[in-house]
C-alpha atoms as a PDB file:
ATOM      1  CA  MET A   1     232.584 -31.295  50.966  1.00  0.00           C
ATOM      2  CA  ALA A   2     236.050 -31.612  49.390  1.00  0.00           C
ATOM      3  CA  GLY A   3     236.346 -30.123  45.899  1.00  0.00           C
ATOM      4  CA  ARG A   4     236.159 -32.533  42.999  1.00  0.00           C
ATOM      5  CA  VAL A   5     238.125 -30.564  40.443  1.00  0.00           C
ATOM      6  CA  SER A   6     241.800 -29.693  39.870  1.00  0.00           C
ATOM      7  CA  VAL A   7     242.090 -26.802  37.412  1.00  0.00           C
ATOM      8  CA  VAL A   8     245.348 -26.969  35.365  1.00  0.00           C
ATOM      9  CA  ILE A   9     246.455 -23.771  33.669  1.00  0.00           C
ATOM     10  CA  PRO A  10     249.811 -23.630  31.728  1.00  0.00           C
ATOM     11  CA  THR A  11     251.229 -20.153  31.410  1.00  0.00           C
ATOM     12  CA  PHE A  12     254.157 -18.266  29.957  1.00  0.00           C
ATOM     13  CA  ASN A  13     254.725 -14.527  30.470  1.00  0.00           C
ATOM     14  CA  ARG A  14     251.117 -13.505  30.737  1.00  0.00           C
ATOM     15  CA  LYS A  15     250.734 -12.516  34.337  1.00  0.00           C
ATOM     16  CA  ASP A  16     248.062  -9.826  33.815  1.00  0.00           C
ATOM     17  CA  VAL A  17     245.558 -11.913  31.796  1.00  0.00           C
ATOM     18  CA  LEU A  18     246.409 -14.897  33.967  1.00  0.00           C
ATOM     19  CA  ALA A  19     245.270 -12.890  36.962  1.00  0.00           C
ATOM     20  CA  ARG A  20     241.972 -12.195  35.212  1.00  0.00           C
ATOM     21  CA  ALA A  21     241.504 -15.905  34.640  1.00  0.00           C
ATOM     22  CA  ILE A  22     242.244 -16.862  38.229  1.00  0.00           C
ATOM     23  CA  LYS A  23     239.890 -14.165  39.528  1.00  0.00           C
ATOM     24  CA  GLY A  24     237.218 -15.786  37.379  1.00  0.00           C
ATOM     25  CA  TYR A  25     237.616 -18.935  39.327  1.00  0.00           C
ATOM     26  CA  LEU A  26     237.385 -17.064  42.642  1.00  0.00           C
ATOM     27  CA  ALA A  27     233.973 -15.957  41.427  1.00  0.00           C
ATOM     28  CA  GLN A  28     232.601 -19.340  40.503  1.00  0.00           C
ATOM     29  CA  SER A  29     229.091 -20.289  41.638  1.00  0.00           C
ATOM     30  CA  ALA A  30     230.490 -23.753  42.479  1.00  0.00           C
ATOM     31  CA  ILE A  31     233.691 -22.526  44.091  1.00  0.00           C
ATOM     32  CA  ASP A  32     233.519 -25.205  46.797  1.00  0.00           C
ATOM     33  CA  GLU A  33     234.063 -27.802  44.082  1.00  0.00           C
ATOM     34  CA  ILE A  34     237.536 -26.492  43.276  1.00  0.00           C
ATOM     35  CA  LYS A  35     240.053 -28.628  45.119  1.00  0.00           C
ATOM     36  CA  GLU A  36     243.017 -26.710  43.710  1.00  0.00           C
ATOM     37  CA  ILE A  37     244.282 -24.586  40.893  1.00  0.00           C
ATOM     38  CA  LEU A  38     247.642 -25.656  39.485  1.00  0.00           C
ATOM     39  CA  VAL A  39     249.321 -22.861  37.521  1.00  0.00           C
ATOM     40  CA  VAL A  40     252.183 -24.486  35.542  1.00  0.00           C
ATOM     41  CA  ASP A  41     254.727 -21.742  34.893  1.00  0.00           C
ATOM     42  CA  ASP A  42     256.601 -22.645  31.687  1.00  0.00           C
ATOM     43  CA  GLY A  43     259.667 -20.526  32.442  1.00  0.00           C
ATOM     44  CA  SER A  44     258.025 -17.084  32.793  1.00  0.00           C
ATOM     45  CA  THR A  45     260.240 -14.009  33.415  1.00  0.00           C
ATOM     46  CA  ASP A  46     257.504 -11.386  33.865  1.00  0.00           C
ATOM     47  CA  GLY A  47     256.732 -11.683  37.587  1.00  0.00           C
ATOM     48  CA  THR A  48     254.210 -14.511  37.275  1.00  0.00           C
ATOM     49  CA  GLU A  49     255.455 -16.018  40.577  1.00  0.00           C
ATOM     50  CA  SER A  50     254.566 -12.961  42.654  1.00  0.00           C
ATOM     51  CA  ALA A  51     251.255 -12.449  40.820  1.00  0.00           C
ATOM     52  CA  VAL A  52     250.138 -16.004  41.639  1.00  0.00           C
ATOM     53  CA  ALA A  53     251.388 -15.668  45.237  1.00  0.00           C
ATOM     54  CA  ALA A  54     249.245 -12.559  45.746  1.00  0.00           C
ATOM     55  CA  LEU A  55     246.168 -14.290  44.405  1.00  0.00           C
ATOM     56  CA  ALA A  56     246.865 -17.410  46.457  1.00  0.00           C
ATOM     57  CA  ALA A  57     246.485 -15.389  49.623  1.00  0.00           C
ATOM     58  CA  GLN A  58     242.889 -14.608  48.558  1.00  0.00           C
ATOM     59  CA  ALA A  59     241.891 -18.108  47.467  1.00  0.00           C
ATOM     60  CA  PRO A  60     239.771 -20.431  49.705  1.00  0.00           C
ATOM     61  CA  PHE A  61     241.563 -23.446  48.080  1.00  0.00           C
ATOM     62  CA  PRO A  62     245.197 -24.209  47.307  1.00  0.00           C
ATOM     63  CA  LEU A  63     246.494 -22.142  44.425  1.00  0.00           C
ATOM     64  CA  ARG A  64     249.873 -23.586  43.523  1.00  0.00           C
ATOM     65  CA  ARG A  65     252.504 -22.430  41.076  1.00  0.00           C
ATOM     66  CA  LEU A  66     254.472 -25.283  39.520  1.00  0.00           C
ATOM     67  CA  TYR A  67     257.618 -24.164  37.731  1.00  0.00           C
ATOM     68  CA  GLN A  68     259.472 -25.733  34.841  1.00  0.00           C
ATOM     69  CA  SER A  69     262.002 -24.462  32.380  1.00  0.00           C
ATOM     70  CA  ASN A  70     260.468 -23.459  29.016  1.00  0.00           C
ATOM     71  CA  ARG A  71     259.437 -26.819  27.603  1.00  0.00           C
ATOM     72  CA  GLY A  72     256.074 -26.117  26.024  1.00  0.00           C
ATOM     73  CA  GLN A  73     252.415 -26.735  26.735  1.00  0.00           C
ATOM     74  CA  ALA A  74     252.502 -30.522  26.497  1.00  0.00           C
ATOM     75  CA  ALA A  75     255.127 -30.825  29.202  1.00  0.00           C
ATOM     76  CA  ALA A  76     253.398 -28.179  31.313  1.00  0.00           C
ATOM     77  CA  ARG A  77     250.052 -29.970  31.264  1.00  0.00           C
ATOM     78  CA  ASN A  78     251.706 -33.254  32.071  1.00  0.00           C
ATOM     79  CA  LEU A  79     253.257 -31.725  35.157  1.00  0.00           C
ATOM     80  CA  GLY A  80     249.821 -30.511  36.161  1.00  0.00           C
ATOM     81  CA  ILE A  81     248.388 -34.043  35.623  1.00  0.00           C
ATOM     82  CA  SER A  82     251.090 -35.565  37.785  1.00  0.00           C
ATOM     83  CA  GLU A  83     250.398 -33.155  40.634  1.00  0.00           C
ATOM     84  CA  ALA A  84     246.604 -33.084  40.454  1.00  0.00           C
ATOM     85  CA  THR A  85     244.824 -34.569  43.506  1.00  0.00           C
ATOM     86  CA  ALA A  86     241.122 -34.327  42.421  1.00  0.00           C
ATOM     87  CA  GLY A  87     239.146 -36.912  40.523  1.00  0.00           C
ATOM     88  CA  ILE A  88     238.415 -34.516  37.613  1.00  0.00           C
ATOM     89  CA  ILE A  89     240.906 -32.293  35.860  1.00  0.00           C
ATOM     90  CA  LEU A  90     239.727 -29.124  34.080  1.00  0.00           C
ATOM     91  CA  PHE A  91     242.204 -27.967  31.440  1.00  0.00           C
ATOM     92  CA  THR A  92     242.092 -24.327  30.410  1.00  0.00           C
ATOM     93  CA  ASP A  93     244.510 -21.629  29.250  1.00  0.00           C
ATOM     94  CA  ASP A  94     245.928 -18.493  30.841  1.00  0.00           C
ATOM     95  CA  ASP A  95     243.889 -16.229  28.554  1.00  0.00           C
ATOM     96  CA  ILE A  96     240.589 -18.052  29.046  1.00  0.00           C
ATOM     97  CA  ILE A  97     238.286 -16.255  31.524  1.00  0.00           C
ATOM     98  CA  PRO A  98     235.599 -18.543  33.004  1.00  0.00           C
ATOM     99  CA  ALA A  99     231.965 -17.473  33.218  1.00  0.00           C
ATOM    100  CA  PRO A 100     230.631 -17.839  36.802  1.00  0.00           C
ATOM    101  CA  VAL A 101     228.769 -21.068  35.953  1.00  0.00           C
ATOM    102  CA  LEU A 102     231.585 -22.768  34.020  1.00  0.00           C
ATOM    103  CA  LEU A 103     232.590 -25.155  36.743  1.00  0.00           C
ATOM    104  CA  ALA A 104     228.987 -25.953  37.774  1.00  0.00           C
ATOM    105  CA  GLU A 105     228.128 -26.793  34.199  1.00  0.00           C
ATOM    106  CA  HIS A 106     231.098 -29.071  33.740  1.00  0.00           C
ATOM    107  CA  LEU A 107     230.227 -30.927  36.929  1.00  0.00           C
ATOM    108  CA  ARG A 108     226.539 -31.127  36.035  1.00  0.00           C
ATOM    109  CA  TRP A 109     227.450 -33.134  32.972  1.00  0.00           C
ATOM    110  CA  HIS A 110     229.953 -35.275  34.834  1.00  0.00           C
ATOM    111  CA  ASP A 111     227.195 -36.101  37.268  1.00  0.00           C
ATOM    112  CA  GLN A 112     225.056 -37.195  34.319  1.00  0.00           C
ATOM    113  CA  HIS A 113     228.027 -39.252  32.862  1.00  0.00           C
ATOM    114  CA  PRO A 114     229.984 -40.512  35.869  1.00  0.00           C
ATOM    115  CA  GLU A 115     231.768 -43.228  33.902  1.00  0.00           C
ATOM    116  CA  ARG A 116     235.551 -43.022  33.690  1.00  0.00           C
ATOM    117  CA  GLU A 117     235.470 -42.507  29.903  1.00  0.00           C
ATOM    118  CA  ALA A 118     233.271 -39.430  29.905  1.00  0.00           C
ATOM    119  CA  ALA A 119     234.813 -36.047  29.169  1.00  0.00           C
ATOM    120  CA  VAL A 120     233.158 -32.633  28.801  1.00  0.00           C
ATOM    121  CA  LEU A 121     233.971 -29.898  26.266  1.00  0.00           C
ATOM    122  CA  GLY A 122     232.826 -26.387  27.102  1.00  0.00           C
ATOM    123  CA  TYR A 123     232.305 -23.444  24.795  1.00  0.00           C
ATOM    124  CA  VAL A 124     234.747 -20.537  24.236  1.00  0.00           C
ATOM    125  CA  GLU A 125     233.777 -17.277  22.707  1.00  0.00           C
ATOM    126  CA  TRP A 126     235.676 -14.032  22.372  1.00  0.00           C
ATOM    127  CA  SER A 127     235.522 -11.671  25.305  1.00  0.00           C
ATOM    128  CA  PRO A 128     233.368  -8.665  24.436  1.00  0.00           C
ATOM    129  CA  GLU A 129     236.088  -6.514  25.995  1.00  0.00           C
ATOM    130  CA  VAL A 130     238.486  -7.252  23.130  1.00  0.00           C
ATOM    131  CA  ARG A 131     235.903  -6.087  20.526  1.00  0.00           C
ATOM    132  CA  PRO A 132     236.112  -9.167  18.279  1.00  0.00           C
ATOM    133  CA  THR A 133     236.007  -8.558  14.570  1.00  0.00           C
ATOM    134  CA  PRO A 134     233.957 -10.682  12.117  1.00  0.00           C
ATOM    135  CA  PHE A 135     237.235 -12.339  11.093  1.00  0.00           C
ATOM    136  CA  MET A 136     237.855 -13.372  14.667  1.00  0.00           C
ATOM    137  CA  LYS A 137     234.306 -14.757  14.931  1.00  0.00           C
ATOM    138  CA  TRP A 138     234.933 -16.827  11.836  1.00  0.00           C
ATOM    139  CA  LEU A 139     238.182 -18.029  13.311  1.00  0.00           C
ATOM    140  CA  GLY A 140     236.385 -19.342  16.407  1.00  0.00           C
ATOM    141  CA  LEU A 141     233.307 -20.818  14.705  1.00  0.00           C
ATOM    142  CA  ASP A 142     234.415 -22.087  11.314  1.00  0.00           C
ATOM    143  CA  GLY A 143     238.140 -21.416  11.253  1.00  0.00           C
ATOM    144  CA  PRO A 144     241.266 -23.262  12.182  1.00  0.00           C
ATOM    145  CA  LEU A 145     241.344 -21.926  15.742  1.00  0.00           C
ATOM    146  CA  PHE A 146     238.073 -23.598  16.796  1.00  0.00           C
ATOM    147  CA  GLY A 147     235.230 -25.197  14.874  1.00  0.00           C
ATOM    148  CA  TYR A 148     232.429 -24.636  17.380  1.00  0.00           C
ATOM    149  CA  GLY A 149     230.064 -23.712  14.588  1.00  0.00           C
ATOM    150  CA  TRP A 150     230.329 -27.332  13.256  1.00  0.00           C
ATOM    151  CA  ILE A 151     229.027 -28.872  16.449  1.00  0.00           C
ATOM    152  CA  GLN A 152     226.171 -26.514  17.257  1.00  0.00           C
ATOM    153  CA  GLY A 153     223.255 -28.532  18.595  1.00  0.00           C
ATOM    154  CA  LYS A 154     225.241 -31.715  19.194  1.00  0.00           C
ATOM    155  CA  VAL A 155     225.502 -33.410  22.568  1.00  0.00           C
ATOM    156  CA  GLU A 156     228.406 -35.795  21.789  1.00  0.00           C
ATOM    157  CA  VAL A 157     231.258 -34.932  19.430  1.00  0.00           C
ATOM    158  CA  ASP A 158     234.308 -36.553  17.958  1.00  0.00           C
ATOM    159  CA  GLY A 159     236.792 -36.763  20.866  1.00  0.00           C
ATOM    160  CA  PHE A 160     239.693 -36.534  18.372  1.00  0.00           C
ATOM    161  CA  LEU A 161     238.894 -33.488  16.375  1.00  0.00           C
ATOM    162  CA  PHE A 162     237.265 -31.369  19.120  1.00  0.00           C
ATOM    163  CA  PHE A 163     239.620 -32.147  22.030  1.00  0.00           C
ATOM    164  CA  TYR A 164     240.110 -28.437  22.832  1.00  0.00           C
ATOM    165  CA  THR A 165     242.135 -28.162  26.090  1.00  0.00           C
ATOM    166  CA  CYS A 166     241.238 -24.506  26.500  1.00  0.00           C
ATOM    167  CA  ASN A 167     237.969 -25.606  28.214  1.00  0.00           C
ATOM    168  CA  LEU A 168     237.795 -29.318  28.685  1.00  0.00           C
ATOM    169  CA  SER A 169     237.382 -31.603  31.747  1.00  0.00           C
ATOM    170  CA  LEU A 170     237.892 -35.305  32.131  1.00  0.00           C
ATOM    171  CA  LYS A 171     238.557 -37.954  34.697  1.00  0.00           C
ATOM    172  CA  THR A 172     242.063 -37.994  36.106  1.00  0.00           C
ATOM    173  CA  GLU A 173     242.053 -41.774  36.205  1.00  0.00           C
ATOM    174  CA  LEU A 174     241.448 -41.909  32.448  1.00  0.00           C
ATOM    175  CA  LEU A 175     244.489 -39.724  31.745  1.00  0.00           C
ATOM    176  CA  ARG A 176     246.822 -41.539  34.064  1.00  0.00           C
ATOM    177  CA  GLN A 177     245.826 -44.939  32.835  1.00  0.00           C
ATOM    178  CA  THR A 178     245.604 -44.406  29.110  1.00  0.00           C
ATOM    179  CA  GLY A 179     247.801 -41.484  28.165  1.00  0.00           C
ATOM    180  CA  THR A 180     249.184 -37.973  28.789  1.00  0.00           C
ATOM    181  CA  PHE A 181     250.442 -35.351  26.317  1.00  0.00           C
ATOM    182  CA  ASP A 182     253.224 -36.315  23.900  1.00  0.00           C
ATOM    183  CA  GLU A 183     256.200 -34.225  24.818  1.00  0.00           C
ATOM    184  CA  ASP A 184     257.618 -34.512  21.289  1.00  0.00           C
ATOM    185  CA  PHE A 185     255.497 -31.450  20.769  1.00  0.00           C
ATOM    186  CA  GLY A 186     257.747 -28.843  22.269  1.00  0.00           C
ATOM    187  CA  GLY A 187     255.957 -25.885  20.744  1.00  0.00           C
ATOM    188  CA  TYR A 188     252.385 -24.942  20.056  1.00  0.00           C
ATOM    189  CA  GLY A 189     249.721 -26.965  18.187  1.00  0.00           C
ATOM    190  CA  TRP A 190     248.366 -30.484  17.603  1.00  0.00           C
ATOM    191  CA  GLU A 191     249.433 -31.846  21.000  1.00  0.00           C
ATOM    192  CA  ASP A 192     245.868 -31.908  22.280  1.00  0.00           C
ATOM    193  CA  THR A 193     244.488 -33.429  19.096  1.00  0.00           C
ATOM    194  CA  GLU A 194     247.045 -36.217  19.267  1.00  0.00           C
ATOM    195  CA  LEU A 195     246.121 -37.016  22.844  1.00  0.00           C
ATOM    196  CA  GLY A 196     242.436 -36.872  21.992  1.00  0.00           C
ATOM    197  CA  TYR A 197     243.035 -39.535  19.327  1.00  0.00           C
ATOM    198  CA  ARG A 198     244.699 -41.903  21.815  1.00  0.00           C
ATOM    199  CA  LEU A 199     242.057 -41.321  24.458  1.00  0.00           C
ATOM    200  CA  ARG A 200     239.271 -41.988  21.974  1.00  0.00           C
ATOM    201  CA  LYS A 201     240.973 -45.239  20.969  1.00  0.00           C
ATOM    202  CA  ASN A 202     240.745 -46.169  24.674  1.00  0.00           C
ATOM    203  CA  GLY A 203     237.045 -45.465  24.899  1.00  0.00           C
ATOM    204  CA  MET A 204     236.770 -41.744  25.730  1.00  0.00           C
ATOM    205  CA  ARG A 205     233.420 -40.149  24.896  1.00  0.00           C
ATOM    206  CA  LEU A 206     233.429 -36.362  24.568  1.00  0.00           C
ATOM    207  CA  PHE A 207     230.205 -34.577  25.472  1.00  0.00           C
ATOM    208  CA  TYR A 208     229.648 -30.946  24.488  1.00  0.00           C
ATOM    209  CA  ASN A 209     227.990 -28.520  26.917  1.00  0.00           C
ATOM    210  CA  PRO A 210     227.914 -24.977  25.476  1.00  0.00           C
ATOM    211  CA  ALA A 211     226.617 -23.658  28.844  1.00  0.00           C
ATOM    212  CA  ALA A 212     230.095 -24.358  30.261  1.00  0.00           C
ATOM    213  CA  LEU A 213     231.143 -20.965  28.955  1.00  0.00           C
ATOM    214  CA  ALA A 214     234.468 -19.187  28.976  1.00  0.00           C
ATOM    215  CA  TYR A 215     235.750 -16.036  27.260  1.00  0.00           C
ATOM    216  CA  HIS A 216     238.923 -15.781  25.194  1.00  0.00           C
ATOM    217  CA  TYR A 217     240.618 -12.572  26.337  1.00  0.00           C
ATOM    218  CA  LYS A 218     242.702 -11.849  23.264  1.00  0.00           C
ATOM    219  CA  HIS A 219     242.413  -9.711  20.176  1.00  0.00           C
ATOM    220  CA  VAL A 220     243.692 -11.385  17.015  1.00  0.00           C
ATOM    221  CA  THR A 221     244.471  -9.678  13.713  1.00  0.00           C
ATOM    222  CA  PHE A 222     244.649 -11.523  10.432  1.00  0.00           C
ATOM    223  CA  ALA A 223     248.476 -11.269  10.442  1.00  0.00           C
ATOM    224  CA  GLU A 224     248.647 -12.618  13.967  1.00  0.00           C
ATOM    225  CA  ALA A 225     246.366 -15.532  13.087  1.00  0.00           C
ATOM    226  CA  CYS A 226     248.686 -16.354  10.195  1.00  0.00           C
ATOM    227  CA  ARG A 227     251.760 -16.277  12.430  1.00  0.00           C
ATOM    228  CA  ARG A 228     250.018 -18.588  14.882  1.00  0.00           C
ATOM    229  CA  ALA A 229     249.163 -20.922  12.003  1.00  0.00           C
ATOM    230  CA  GLU A 230     252.797 -20.984  10.985  1.00  0.00           C
ATOM    231  CA  LYS A 231     253.691 -22.348  14.398  1.00  0.00           C
ATOM    232  CA  VAL A 232     250.897 -24.890  14.062  1.00  0.00           C
ATOM    233  CA  GLU A 233     252.208 -25.857  10.650  1.00  0.00           C
ATOM    234  CA  LEU A 234     255.581 -26.658  12.138  1.00  0.00           C
ATOM    235  CA  ALA A 235     253.895 -28.765  14.837  1.00  0.00           C
ATOM    236  CA  TRP A 236     252.080 -30.586  12.064  1.00  0.00           C
ATOM    237  CA  ARG A 237     255.427 -31.990  10.918  1.00  0.00           C
ATOM    238  CA  ILE A 238     255.556 -33.824  14.212  1.00  0.00           C
ATOM    239  CA  PHE A 239     251.857 -34.698  14.223  1.00  0.00           C
ATOM    240  CA  GLU A 240     251.858 -36.292  10.773  1.00  0.00           C
ATOM    241  CA  GLN A 241     254.470 -38.833  11.962  1.00  0.00           C
ATOM    242  CA  LYS A 242     252.112 -40.009  14.687  1.00  0.00           C
ATOM    243  CA  GLU A 243     249.328 -42.543  14.198  1.00  0.00           C
ATOM    244  CA  ALA A 244     246.787 -39.756  14.752  1.00  0.00           C
ATOM    245  CA  GLY A 245     248.350 -37.746  11.928  1.00  0.00           C
ATOM    246  CA  ARG A 246     248.420 -40.606   9.495  1.00  0.00           C
ATOM    247  CA  TRP A 247     244.744 -41.263  10.245  1.00  0.00           C
ATOM    248  CA  LEU A 248     243.798 -37.663   9.728  1.00  0.00           C
ATOM    249  CA  ARG A 249     245.765 -37.369   6.412  1.00  0.00           C
ATOM    250  CA  SER A 250     243.925 -40.436   5.127  1.00  0.00           C
ATOM    251  CA  TYR A 251     240.569 -39.075   6.264  1.00  0.00           C
ATOM    252  CA  GLN A 252     241.161 -35.638   4.723  1.00  0.00           C
ATOM    253  CA  ALA A 253     242.181 -37.244   1.436  1.00  0.00           C
ATOM    254  CA  GLN A 254     238.988 -39.257   1.329  1.00  0.00           C
ATOM    255  CA  GLN A 255     236.881 -36.209   2.181  1.00  0.00           C
ATOM    256  CA  LYS A 256     238.573 -34.084  -0.512  1.00  0.00           C
ATOM    257  CA  ALA A 257     238.145 -36.725  -3.150  1.00  0.00           C
ATOM    258  CA  ALA A 258     234.430 -37.046  -2.269  1.00  0.00           C
ATOM    259  CA  GLU A 259     233.961 -33.280  -2.384  1.00  0.00           C
ATOM    260  CA  VAL A 260     235.571 -33.066  -5.839  1.00  0.00           C
ATOM    261  CA  ARG A 261     233.337 -35.815  -7.132  1.00  0.00           C
ATOM    262  CA  ARG A 262     230.236 -34.064  -5.790  1.00  0.00           C
ATOM    263  CA  SER A 263     231.067 -30.567  -6.989  1.00  0.00           C
ATOM    264  CA  ALA A 264     231.238 -29.748 -10.677  1.00  0.00           C
ATOM    265  CA  LEU A 265     231.627 -26.142  -9.617  1.00  0.00           C
ATOM    266  CA  GLY A 266     234.734 -27.128  -7.600  1.00  0.00           C
ATOM    267  CA  ARG A 267     236.207 -28.813 -10.691  1.00  0.00           C
ATOM    268  CA  ALA A 268     235.559 -25.749 -12.790  1.00  0.00           C
ATOM    269  CA  SER A 269     237.022 -23.506 -10.165  1.00  0.00           C
ATOM    270  CA  ALA A 270     240.246 -25.461 -10.240  1.00  0.00           C
ATOM    271  CA  LEU A 271     240.690 -24.424 -13.890  1.00  0.00           C
ATOM    272  CA  VAL A 272     240.531 -20.663 -13.119  1.00  0.00           C
ATOM    273  CA  PRO A 273     244.034 -19.161 -13.063  1.00  0.00           C
ATOM    274  CA  GLN A 274     245.184 -18.211  -9.538  1.00  0.00           C
ATOM    275  CA  TRP A 275     245.854 -14.597 -10.490  1.00  0.00           C
ATOM    276  CA  ILE A 276     242.226 -14.162 -11.513  1.00  0.00           C
ATOM    277  CA  LYS A 277     240.899 -15.562  -8.253  1.00  0.00           C
ATOM    278  CA  SER A 278     243.365 -13.424  -6.266  1.00  0.00           C
ATOM    279  CA  SER A 279     242.481 -10.276  -8.140  1.00  0.00           C
ATOM    280  CA  VAL A 280     238.773 -10.784  -7.449  1.00  0.00           C
ATOM    281  CA  LEU A 281     239.486 -11.121  -3.684  1.00  0.00           C
ATOM    282  CA  SER A 282     242.098  -8.420  -3.415  1.00  0.00           C
ATOM    283  CA  PRO A 283     239.740  -5.488  -2.688  1.00  0.00           C
ATOM    284  CA  PHE A 284     238.538  -7.307   0.495  1.00  0.00           C
ATOM    285  CA  LYS A 285     242.038  -7.523   2.016  1.00  0.00           C
ATOM    286  CA  LEU A 286     241.871  -4.070   3.622  1.00  0.00           C
ATOM    287  CA  LEU A 287     238.642  -5.100   5.356  1.00  0.00           C
ATOM    288  CA  LEU A 288     239.916  -8.230   7.072  1.00  0.00           C
ATOM    289  CA  ASP A 289     240.561  -6.547  10.494  1.00  0.00           C
ATOM    290  CA  THR A 290     237.605  -4.176  10.422  1.00  0.00           C
ATOM    291  CA  GLN A 291     234.121  -4.547  11.906  1.00  0.00           C
ATOM    292  CA  ILE A 292     232.667  -4.914   8.380  1.00  0.00           C
ATOM    293  CA  PRO A 293     231.555  -8.528   7.957  1.00  0.00           C
ATOM    294  CA  LEU A 294     232.665 -10.417   4.872  1.00  0.00           C
ATOM    295  CA  PRO A 295     231.440 -13.769   3.567  1.00  0.00           C
ATOM    296  CA  TRP A 296     233.155 -16.611   5.397  1.00  0.00           C
ATOM    297  CA  ARG A 297     234.498 -17.967   2.055  1.00  0.00           C
ATOM    298  CA  VAL A 298     236.561 -14.761   1.774  1.00  0.00           C
ATOM    299  CA  TYR A 299     238.180 -15.316   5.177  1.00  0.00           C
ATOM    300  CA  ARG A 300     238.797 -18.977   4.256  1.00  0.00           C
ATOM    301  CA  ARG A 301     240.461 -18.120   0.947  1.00  0.00           C
ATOM    302  CA  TYR A 302     242.830 -15.412   2.266  1.00  0.00           C
ATOM    303  CA  TYR A 303     243.761 -17.368   5.321  1.00  0.00           C
ATOM    304  CA  PHE A 304     244.491 -20.705   3.603  1.00  0.00           C
ATOM    305  CA  GLU A 305     246.262 -19.048   0.695  1.00  0.00           C
ATOM    306  CA  ALA A 306     248.609 -17.391   3.247  1.00  0.00           C
ATOM    307  CA  ILE A 307     249.275 -20.694   5.012  1.00  0.00           C
ATOM    308  CA  ALA A 308     249.839 -22.472   1.644  1.00  0.00           C
ATOM    309  CA  ARG A 309     252.513 -19.901   0.770  1.00  0.00           C
ATOM    310  CA  PHE A 310     254.253 -20.533   4.121  1.00  0.00           C
ATOM    311  CA  HIS A 311     253.962 -24.282   3.612  1.00  0.00           C
ATOM    312  CA  GLN A 312     255.566 -24.115   0.167  1.00  0.00           C
ATOM    313  CA  SER A 313     258.429 -22.029   1.535  1.00  0.00           C
ATOM    314  CA  GLN A 314     259.422 -24.617   4.107  1.00  0.00           C
ATOM    315  CA  PRO A 315     262.007 -27.288   3.383  1.00  0.00           C
ATOM    316  CA  ARG A 316     260.752 -30.834   3.669  1.00  0.00           C
END
């Protein structure tokens, strides 16, 4: 039986962790369903070409490296879409290691929802090998990296806000007929959310299967998370000019207004001088990258205050 899935992995100068990810696909319980893996090399200079070639010799399916000059993830994924030959595309990243059942679980849900509009979101947790800190766990469950904690127990989720292309599969036909990634996003951030908005407008339904599990093989410190967020903030300048960005800004404004109306405590908190709030939190700063868990509100405050300072420093 010919494989039903094309796996698309954009990469840039991460040959070692990329090799881990590819080996994870060589160990899939449903390996016969992989029609091909398309590694889109976004201008790597670290020997990615030879690393992929060595793994291709071991693979029972085509493992192809597609090369482009450094143009960003949106363009890289679009190249993968244009070259994919299977009816389903699984998007993932070069530092996402699939559990052995990941592919089988994606396909199990596509079998339950064979319609063109159905897409499947899998779950990503930190690899135990990187010894995730409580801050990292917040980042993946309630933070700006992923919001998996918000959709626990749900079967269908908002295809716009949870269109996470680190572990997401959908019908190739849907992509080619209704939209690919906007290449105005030359850097990192918001390109998948923007596409999710357009696909949802065209009828996409996003189902969430937490059993389609993958592991994020990366250790992230608080400072690194803030640097990543700064890149995302720059991408937001592009996103907010799009229809999706205008919709989200309006939605967020409505939610914030409703929250202020509901919360007398929130109104009172707004009257507390910033230096008092910061001084209360300051003793926790040294604990952000330790294994000592802090209340999630502490992570939120430190993180979003850091991003707000960056935002204010940028010219408009």
